[in-house]
Amino acid sequence: MNIQSTDPQTAVVTGLMELVAANATQVRDEIRAALPASTIRLDLDLSSVTFLDSSGLGMLISLHKTLQSRNGMVRLLKPAPNVRQILELTRLHRVFEIAPE
């Protein structure tokens, strides 16, 4: 996983492979620890995510709440079709902005 700040208010997370019970808490904590207080926009590149379970969904919601408390947002970038389907089935596509490209 790689976390980069593109500007003082935006961070981009790349290199995520799976968001599952085995790693969701660790990923969430690493992302939170890496975010400066000025970050109000978090872009998660989901193009490499091959599997997403309920713990991964919980991690996304937790990050959403963290950024929402800063009057910010989480944007999901390029989710694979299987991940997008899970987001739609759980109606989380209405919570997050999803960018296809």
Protein backbone atom coordinates (compact mmCIF):
# COMPACT_ATOMS: atom_id res chain seq x y z
CA MET A 1 0.00 0.00 0.00
CA ASN A 2 1.24 3.47 -0.91
CA ILE A 3 -0.14 6.73 0.51
CA GLN A 4 0.79 10.00 -1.16
CA SER A 5 -0.36 13.56 -0.70
CA THR A 6 -1.05 15.20 -4.05
CA ASP A 7 -1.70 18.56 -2.37
CA PRO A 8 -2.22 19.72 1.24
CA GLN A 9 -5.87 18.66 1.20
CA THR A 10 -5.77 15.44 -0.87
CA ALA A 11 -4.25 12.02 -0.23
CA VAL A 12 -4.23 9.10 -2.67
CA VAL A 13 -3.94 5.46 -1.60
CA THR A 14 -2.73 2.94 -4.19
CA GLY A 15 -1.57 -0.65 -4.12
CA LEU A 16 -4.51 -2.14 -2.27
CA MET A 17 -5.00 -5.81 -3.20
CA GLU A 18 -7.63 -7.17 -0.80
CA LEU A 19 -9.79 -5.51 1.82
CA VAL A 20 -10.74 -8.40 4.07
CA ALA A 21 -11.01 -9.28 7.76
CA ALA A 22 -7.33 -10.22 7.87
CA ASN A 23 -6.10 -6.74 6.94
CA ALA A 24 -8.97 -4.20 7.09
CA THR A 25 -8.15 -2.86 10.57
CA GLN A 26 -4.45 -2.54 9.79
CA VAL A 27 -5.11 -0.78 6.46
CA ARG A 28 -7.58 1.63 8.11
CA ASP A 29 -5.15 2.45 10.91
CA GLU A 30 -2.21 2.98 8.53
CA ILE A 31 -4.26 5.30 6.34
CA ARG A 32 -5.55 7.31 9.31
CA ALA A 33 -2.03 7.62 10.76
CA ALA A 34 -0.67 8.88 7.42
CA LEU A 35 -3.32 11.57 6.92
CA PRO A 36 -2.30 15.07 7.95
CA ALA A 37 -4.99 17.06 9.75
CA SER A 38 -5.36 19.23 6.63
CA THR A 39 -6.49 16.29 4.46
CA ILE A 40 -10.16 16.56 3.54
CA ARG A 41 -10.17 14.40 0.43
CA LEU A 42 -9.09 10.78 0.32
CA ASP A 43 -8.88 8.96 -3.01
CA LEU A 44 -8.71 5.16 -2.76
CA ASP A 45 -7.52 3.44 -5.95
CA LEU A 46 -9.46 0.16 -5.98
CA SER A 47 -8.32 -0.96 -9.44
CA SER A 48 -6.13 -3.73 -7.98
CA VAL A 49 -8.57 -4.89 -5.30
CA THR A 50 -9.57 -8.45 -6.11
CA PHE A 51 -11.71 -9.18 -3.05
CA LEU A 52 -13.78 -7.08 -0.66
CA ASP A 53 -15.65 -8.53 2.30
CA SER A 54 -17.80 -7.04 5.06
CA SER A 55 -14.72 -6.02 7.06
CA GLY A 56 -13.40 -4.17 4.03
CA LEU A 57 -16.75 -2.42 3.65
CA GLY A 58 -16.60 -1.48 7.33
CA MET A 59 -13.13 -0.04 6.79
CA LEU A 60 -14.41 2.10 3.90
CA ILE A 61 -17.30 3.37 6.04
CA SER A 62 -14.92 4.12 8.93
CA LEU A 63 -12.66 6.17 6.67
CA HIS A 64 -15.74 7.92 5.27
CA LYS A 65 -16.77 8.93 8.82
CA THR A 66 -13.25 10.14 9.59
CA LEU A 67 -13.17 12.38 6.53
CA GLN A 68 -16.78 13.46 7.01
CA SER A 69 -15.87 14.73 10.50
CA ARG A 70 -13.37 17.01 8.72
CA ASN A 71 -16.04 18.13 6.24
CA GLY A 72 -14.27 16.02 3.64
CA MET A 73 -14.97 13.00 1.48
CA VAL A 74 -13.67 9.63 0.32
CA ARG A 75 -13.63 8.89 -3.40
CA LEU A 76 -13.27 5.37 -4.79
CA LEU A 77 -11.25 5.21 -7.99
CA LYS A 78 -11.58 2.55 -10.70
CA PRO A 79 -13.20 -0.28 -8.73
CA ALA A 80 -13.05 -3.64 -10.51
CA PRO A 81 -16.45 -4.94 -11.69
CA ASN A 82 -16.76 -7.44 -8.82
CA VAL A 83 -15.97 -4.73 -6.24
CA ARG A 84 -18.36 -2.29 -7.87
CA GLN A 85 -21.08 -4.95 -7.77
CA ILE A 86 -20.61 -5.36 -4.00
CA LEU A 87 -20.78 -1.58 -3.55
CA GLU A 88 -24.02 -1.49 -5.53
CA LEU A 89 -25.57 -4.48 -3.72
CA THR A 90 -24.87 -2.82 -0.37
CA ARG A 91 -25.98 0.57 -1.76
CA LEU A 92 -22.66 2.11 -0.77
CA HIS A 93 -22.36 3.52 -4.29
CA ARG A 94 -24.80 6.14 -2.96
CA VAL A 95 -22.48 7.02 -0.08
CA PHE A 96 -19.18 7.26 -1.95
CA GLU A 97 -18.29 9.10 -5.10
CA ILE A 98 -17.08 6.45 -7.53
CA ALA A 99 -14.77 7.52 -10.36
CA PRO A 100 -14.51 4.98 -13.19
CA GLU A 101 -11.21 6.45 -14.46
